[in-house]
């Protein structure tokens, strides 16, 4: 595995999930693998779980880690052919090229601007780091995907599924801010790649990009979607067609105990951070049905499995 930006980079999904489970069972079994190697983590937006879990995973493998909050005052130009007489003092080609000279592996977290759909879905910042950095790159979230989160989510489902092929629901939830589609896109992509049944419930106008949802059942009836579900993944995302639009007034889409009662002993999932009593009622979060802390812990083992595979192929 050269780069890790989506499930498409994974040659054997089942084996990668198994690797994550093995890492969880024996976190330091391979701490000599990364000894003498360096990992640079660059965050263009704030992070808690991604930053700390990836650092923990890297250190379990013996990697030296450097972290930069690149979003604080480091303005990069990403377009070619421009006259750089504005706020950006450095072009991404030089910046990524320098970082490739400093580190063996690069981790990059970008974020959707939610104003230019084409620019976001072309993943211009992430792709420039891959092209100009000349090093293996792991996506710590991008404008359209969050693959480390999705691997952790899949690991959580594997650990807690009550049947071999559980019914999984991804449901839109209200939020006071417009959020990217990245987590929802990625979750759908990974669950479908794993061969599971997925239903996506959202208000009209909030359908995800078709490239991520082929094979899923799409519905605008949340209550019907929840009937008999084994896992309920709630997440807000802004509109893809009317790009960046949101609907905080749709409070009827919040997940409540009454809605969870429609499920088949369903477990609640969310990537965190989550707004209590907006996205989900606190009674659900504080119940035995909630898996959000398990998901957060599994971020470590997901990142460790990915870094393990990248380190194995570092000199290939």
Protein backbone atom coordinates (compact mmCIF):
# COMPACT_ATOMS: atom_id res chain seq x y z
CA UNK A 1 0.00 0.00 0.00
CA UNK A 2 1.81 3.11 -1.27
CA UNK A 3 -0.70 5.80 -0.21
CA UNK A 4 -3.80 5.65 1.97
CA UNK A 5 -6.51 8.03 0.80
CA UNK A 6 -9.55 5.76 0.35
CA UNK A 7 -10.67 2.15 0.46
CA UNK A 8 -9.54 1.94 -3.17
CA UNK A 9 -5.94 2.02 -1.96
CA UNK A 10 -6.48 -1.14 0.11
CA UNK A 11 -5.61 -4.36 -1.77
CA UNK A 12 -7.26 -6.64 0.82
CA UNK A 13 -9.86 -5.00 3.05
CA UNK A 14 -10.52 -8.08 5.15
CA UNK A 15 -6.81 -8.49 5.83
CA UNK A 16 -6.44 -4.84 6.85
CA UNK A 17 -9.29 -5.14 9.37
CA UNK A 18 -7.67 -8.31 10.70
CA UNK A 19 -4.39 -6.43 10.99
CA UNK A 20 -6.11 -3.71 13.03
CA UNK A 21 -7.55 -6.34 15.36
CA UNK A 22 -4.11 -7.88 15.78
CA UNK A 23 -2.63 -4.48 16.59
CA UNK A 24 -5.31 -3.97 19.23
CA UNK A 25 -4.46 -7.32 20.83
CA UNK A 26 -0.69 -6.65 20.85
CA UNK A 27 -0.04 -2.90 20.40
CA UNK A 28 3.77 -3.05 20.67
CA UNK A 29 4.44 -6.30 18.89
CA UNK A 30 6.08 -4.43 15.99
CA UNK A 31 7.67 -1.46 17.75
CA UNK A 32 10.98 -2.05 15.97
CA UNK A 33 9.42 -1.78 12.49
CA UNK A 34 9.45 2.00 12.36
CA UNK A 35 12.66 2.56 14.28
CA UNK A 36 14.81 5.10 12.46
CA UNK A 37 11.87 6.29 10.33
CA UNK A 38 10.04 9.60 10.59
CA UNK A 39 6.41 10.63 10.20
CA UNK A 40 5.30 14.20 9.63
CA UNK A 41 1.66 15.02 10.45
CA UNK A 42 0.20 18.22 8.99
CA UNK A 43 -3.19 19.52 10.05
CA UNK A 44 -4.87 22.24 8.03
CA UNK A 45 -7.78 22.16 10.50
CA UNK A 46 -8.06 21.31 14.17
CA UNK A 47 -8.01 17.72 15.37
CA UNK A 48 -8.31 15.77 18.61
CA UNK A 49 -8.86 12.06 17.85
CA UNK A 50 -7.02 11.99 14.52
CA UNK A 51 -3.98 13.77 15.89
CA UNK A 52 -3.63 11.85 19.14
CA UNK A 53 -4.62 8.42 17.82
CA UNK A 54 -2.25 8.62 14.85
CA UNK A 55 0.61 9.79 17.06
CA UNK A 56 -0.06 6.97 19.51
CA UNK A 57 -0.20 4.45 16.67
CA UNK A 58 3.06 5.72 15.17
CA UNK A 59 4.91 5.53 18.48
CA UNK A 60 3.65 1.97 19.01
CA UNK A 61 5.50 1.14 15.78
CA UNK A 62 8.67 2.96 16.83
CA UNK A 63 8.26 5.95 14.48
CA UNK A 64 9.55 9.41 15.29
CA UNK A 65 6.66 11.85 14.93
CA UNK A 66 6.56 15.59 14.20
CA UNK A 67 3.25 17.48 14.19
CA UNK A 68 2.46 20.84 12.63
CA UNK A 69 -0.77 22.82 12.95
CA UNK A 70 -0.49 24.04 9.39
CA UNK A 71 -3.77 25.94 9.50
CA UNK A 72 -2.39 28.57 11.84
CA UNK A 73 -0.97 31.26 9.63
CA UNK A 74 0.64 29.00 7.01
CA UNK A 75 -1.07 30.13 3.84
CA UNK A 76 -0.22 28.08 0.78
CA UNK A 77 -0.94 28.75 -2.87
CA UNK A 78 -2.33 25.61 -4.51
CA UNK A 79 -2.93 26.79 -8.10
CA UNK A 80 -0.28 26.76 -10.82
CA UNK A 81 0.41 29.72 -13.06
CA UNK A 82 -0.66 32.38 -10.57
CA UNK A 83 1.20 35.57 -9.69
CA UNK A 84 1.83 35.15 -5.98
CA UNK A 85 1.35 38.72 -4.87
CA UNK A 86 -1.39 37.93 -2.33
CA UNK A 87 -1.52 36.51 1.18
CA UNK A 88 0.12 33.16 0.39
CA UNK A 89 3.87 33.34 0.82
CA UNK A 90 4.66 29.81 -0.32
CA UNK A 91 3.47 27.49 -3.05
CA UNK A 92 2.38 23.99 -2.13
CA UNK A 93 4.87 22.54 -4.61
CA UNK A 94 7.84 23.86 -2.61
CA UNK A 95 6.23 23.21 0.76
CA UNK A 96 5.37 19.59 -0.01
CA UNK A 97 8.73 19.08 -1.69
CA UNK A 98 10.57 20.25 1.40
CA UNK A 99 8.49 18.03 3.68
CA UNK A 100 9.30 15.07 1.47
CA UNK A 101 12.98 15.75 2.17
CA UNK A 102 12.37 15.88 5.94
CA UNK A 103 10.17 12.80 6.49
CA UNK A 104 9.80 9.20 5.34
CA UNK A 105 5.99 9.26 5.62
CA UNK A 106 3.56 12.16 5.47
CA UNK A 107 0.11 12.49 7.03
CA UNK A 108 -2.08 15.33 5.77
CA UNK A 109 -5.44 16.57 7.00
CA UNK A 110 -7.33 18.95 4.73
CA UNK A 111 -10.90 20.19 4.84
CA UNK A 112 -13.63 21.05 2.38
CA UNK A 113 -14.20 24.73 1.72
CA UNK A 114 -17.86 24.01 0.83
CA UNK A 115 -17.93 26.81 -1.73
CA UNK A 116 -16.36 25.20 -4.82
CA UNK A 117 -17.52 21.61 -5.27
CA UNK A 118 -15.15 20.91 -8.13
CA UNK A 119 -12.11 22.07 -6.19
CA UNK A 120 -13.11 20.09 -3.11
CA UNK A 121 -13.88 16.90 -5.02
CA UNK A 122 -10.65 17.12 -6.98
CA UNK A 123 -8.82 16.98 -3.63
CA UNK A 124 -6.33 19.55 -4.82
CA UNK A 125 -4.37 19.98 -1.58
CA UNK A 126 -4.08 16.27 -0.83
CA UNK A 127 -3.15 15.44 -4.43
CA UNK A 128 -0.47 18.13 -4.51
CA UNK A 129 1.13 16.66 -1.40
CA UNK A 130 1.17 13.26 -3.07
CA UNK A 131 2.60 14.63 -6.31
CA UNK A 132 5.16 17.07 -4.92
CA UNK A 133 6.06 15.37 -1.65
CA UNK A 134 7.46 12.24 -3.25
CA UNK A 135 6.66 10.23 -0.11
CA UNK A 136 3.87 7.86 0.93
CA UNK A 137 0.92 9.92 2.15
CA UNK A 138 -1.81 8.90 4.57
CA UNK A 139 -4.98 10.96 4.53
CA UNK A 140 -5.91 12.17 8.02
CA UNK A 141 -9.18 13.38 6.46
CA UNK A 142 -9.67 15.18 3.19
CA UNK A 143 -12.32 17.29 1.53
CA UNK A 144 -14.32 14.22 0.48
CA UNK A 145 -13.20 11.26 2.64
CA UNK A 146 -12.04 10.24 6.11
CA UNK A 147 -10.55 6.77 5.54
CA UNK A 148 -8.94 6.28 8.97
CA UNK A 149 -12.28 6.98 10.61
CA UNK A 150 -14.01 4.57 8.26
CA UNK A 151 -11.52 1.79 8.96
CA UNK A 152 -12.09 2.30 12.69
CA UNK A 153 -15.85 2.24 12.08
CA UNK A 154 -15.59 -1.02 10.15
CA UNK A 155 -13.44 -2.53 12.90
CA UNK A 156 -16.09 -1.50 15.46
CA UNK A 157 -18.86 -3.11 13.42
CA UNK A 158 -16.83 -6.32 13.08
CA UNK A 159 -16.34 -6.44 16.84
CA UNK A 160 -19.99 -5.86 17.74
CA UNK A 161 -22.10 -7.27 14.92
CA UNK A 162 -24.83 -9.63 16.21
CA UNK A 163 -25.20 -11.41 12.87
CA UNK A 164 -22.86 -12.14 9.98
CA UNK A 165 -24.49 -9.55 7.70
CA UNK A 166 -25.91 -6.79 9.89
CA UNK A 167 -28.31 -4.10 8.66
CA UNK A 168 -26.49 -0.78 8.78
CA UNK A 169 -28.13 2.64 8.56
CA UNK A 170 -26.32 5.90 7.85
CA UNK A 171 -28.65 8.74 8.76
CA UNK A 172 -28.37 12.48 8.27
CA UNK A 173 -28.70 14.49 11.47
CA UNK A 174 -29.20 18.21 12.15
CA UNK A 175 -26.32 20.54 12.99
CA UNK A 176 -26.04 24.32 13.42
CA UNK A 177 -23.09 24.51 11.01
CA UNK A 178 -22.54 23.35 7.46
CA UNK A 179 -20.27 20.30 7.56
CA UNK A 180 -18.50 18.43 4.73
CA UNK A 181 -19.69 15.14 3.30
CA UNK A 182 -16.34 13.47 4.01
CA UNK A 183 -17.25 11.17 6.91
CA UNK A 184 -20.56 10.12 5.34
CA UNK A 185 -19.00 9.56 1.91
CA UNK A 186 -16.22 7.48 3.36
CA UNK A 187 -18.42 5.42 5.69
CA UNK A 188 -20.70 4.49 2.80
CA UNK A 189 -17.74 3.63 0.59
CA UNK A 190 -16.11 1.34 3.16
CA UNK A 191 -19.29 -0.41 4.33
CA UNK A 192 -20.30 -1.15 0.76
CA UNK A 193 -16.79 -2.36 -0.09
CA UNK A 194 -17.06 -4.76 2.85
CA UNK A 195 -20.20 -6.21 1.29
CA UNK A 196 -22.69 -5.09 3.92
CA UNK A 197 -26.26 -3.94 3.45
CA UNK A 198 -26.42 -0.17 3.82
CA UNK A 199 -29.41 2.15 3.96
CA UNK A 200 -28.82 5.90 3.75
CA UNK A 201 -31.57 8.12 5.15
CA UNK A 202 -31.59 11.85 4.57
CA UNK A 203 -33.99 14.74 3.87
CA UNK A 204 -34.67 15.52 0.24
CA UNK A 205 -31.82 17.55 -1.20
CA UNK A 206 -29.16 15.97 1.02
CA UNK A 207 -28.33 12.93 -1.09
CA UNK A 208 -24.61 12.15 -1.24
CA UNK A 209 -22.58 12.02 -4.44
CA UNK A 210 -23.57 8.91 -6.42
CA UNK A 211 -19.96 7.74 -6.67
CA UNK A 212 -20.04 6.93 -2.95
CA UNK A 213 -23.50 5.39 -2.63
CA UNK A 214 -23.82 2.92 -5.51
CA UNK A 215 -25.29 -0.25 -4.05
CA UNK A 216 -26.89 1.42 -1.03
CA UNK A 217 -30.61 1.88 -0.46
CA UNK A 218 -31.54 5.57 -0.37
CA UNK A 219 -34.59 6.83 1.50
CA UNK A 220 -36.07 10.06 2.85
CA UNK A 221 -38.01 8.17 5.54
CA UNK A 222 -35.77 7.92 8.59
CA UNK A 223 -38.26 5.95 10.70
CA UNK A 224 -38.65 3.29 8.03
CA UNK A 225 -34.88 3.05 7.60
CA UNK A 226 -34.36 2.42 11.31
CA UNK A 227 -36.75 -0.54 11.45
CA UNK A 228 -34.72 -3.65 12.22
CA UNK A 229 -31.32 -1.93 11.99
CA UNK A 230 -28.35 -3.37 13.88
CA UNK A 231 -26.17 -0.25 13.61
CA UNK A 232 -27.26 3.40 13.36
CA UNK A 233 -24.55 5.82 12.26
CA UNK A 234 -25.73 9.42 12.65
CA UNK A 235 -23.84 12.22 10.96
CA UNK A 236 -24.60 15.66 9.62
CA UNK A 237 -23.47 16.61 6.15
CA UNK A 238 -24.22 19.60 3.99
CA UNK A 239 -25.81 19.25 0.57
CA UNK A 240 -23.81 17.93 -2.36
CA UNK A 241 -26.05 19.24 -5.15
CA UNK A 242 -26.84 22.66 -3.61
CA UNK A 243 -23.27 22.59 -2.45
CA UNK A 244 -22.71 23.56 1.17
CA UNK A 245 -26.38 24.14 2.02
CA UNK A 246 -27.58 22.87 5.38
CA UNK A 247 -30.82 22.60 7.36
CA UNK A 248 -30.38 23.10 11.12
CA UNK A 249 -34.14 23.52 11.48
CA UNK A 250 -34.74 19.83 10.68
CA UNK A 251 -34.63 18.91 14.37
CA UNK A 252 -37.01 16.02 13.67
CA UNK A 253 -34.00 14.09 12.35
CA UNK A 254 -32.23 13.98 15.73
CA UNK A 255 -31.70 10.41 16.99
CA UNK A 256 -33.76 9.78 20.13
CA UNK A 257 -34.44 6.78 22.38
CA UNK A 258 -37.80 6.41 20.67
CA UNK A 259 -36.12 6.13 17.28
CA UNK A 260 -33.55 3.65 18.56
CA UNK A 261 -36.46 1.54 19.85
CA UNK A 262 -37.37 0.89 16.20
CA UNK A 263 -34.09 -0.94 15.66
CA UNK A 264 -33.19 -4.58 16.30
CA UNK A 265 -31.20 -3.86 19.47
CA UNK A 266 -29.33 -1.32 17.38
CA UNK A 267 -25.99 0.15 18.41
CA UNK A 268 -25.44 3.88 17.96
CA UNK A 269 -22.34 5.17 16.16
CA UNK A 270 -20.86 8.61 15.56
CA UNK A 271 -17.35 9.75 14.67
CA UNK A 272 -17.21 12.50 17.34
CA UNK A 273 -17.22 15.30 18.24
CA UNK A 274 -21.00 15.19 18.61
CA UNK A 275 -23.45 17.86 19.74
CA UNK A 276 -25.64 16.42 22.45
CA UNK A 277 -29.36 16.96 22.09
CA UNK A 278 -28.83 18.29 18.56
CA UNK A 279 -27.47 15.35 16.58
CA UNK A 280 -28.45 12.74 19.16
CA UNK A 281 -30.29 12.79 22.47
CA UNK A 282 -27.99 12.44 25.46
CA UNK A 283 -29.99 9.45 26.68
CA UNK A 284 -28.80 7.53 23.60
CA UNK A 285 -25.18 8.63 23.99
CA UNK A 286 -25.13 7.63 27.65
CA UNK A 287 -26.82 4.28 27.08
CA UNK A 288 -25.33 0.83 26.61
CA UNK A 289 -26.28 1.10 22.93
CA UNK A 290 -23.62 3.74 22.26
CA UNK A 291 -20.37 2.69 20.60
CA UNK A 292 -18.83 6.14 20.19
CA UNK A 293 -15.98 5.57 22.66
CA UNK A 294 -15.19 2.19 21.13
CA UNK A 295 -15.00 3.87 17.74
CA UNK A 296 -12.67 6.53 19.13
CA UNK A 297 -10.34 3.93 20.64
CA UNK A 298 -10.32 1.98 17.41
CA UNK A 299 -8.88 5.03 15.67
CA UNK A 300 -5.54 4.01 17.21
CA UNK A 301 -5.62 0.49 15.82
CA UNK A 302 -6.87 1.60 12.42
CA UNK A 303 -4.00 4.08 12.09
CA UNK A 304 -1.51 1.52 13.37
CA UNK A 305 -2.63 -1.07 10.82
CA UNK A 306 -2.30 1.44 7.99
CA UNK A 307 1.12 2.69 9.09
CA UNK A 308 2.27 -0.91 9.49
CA UNK A 309 1.36 -1.69 5.88
CA UNK A 310 2.97 1.51 4.61
CA UNK A 311 6.17 0.84 6.52
CA UNK A 312 6.39 -2.68 5.11
CA UNK A 313 6.36 -1.22 1.60
CA UNK A 314 8.49 1.85 2.31
CA UNK A 315 11.45 0.66 0.29
CA UNK A 316 9.49 -1.34 -2.26
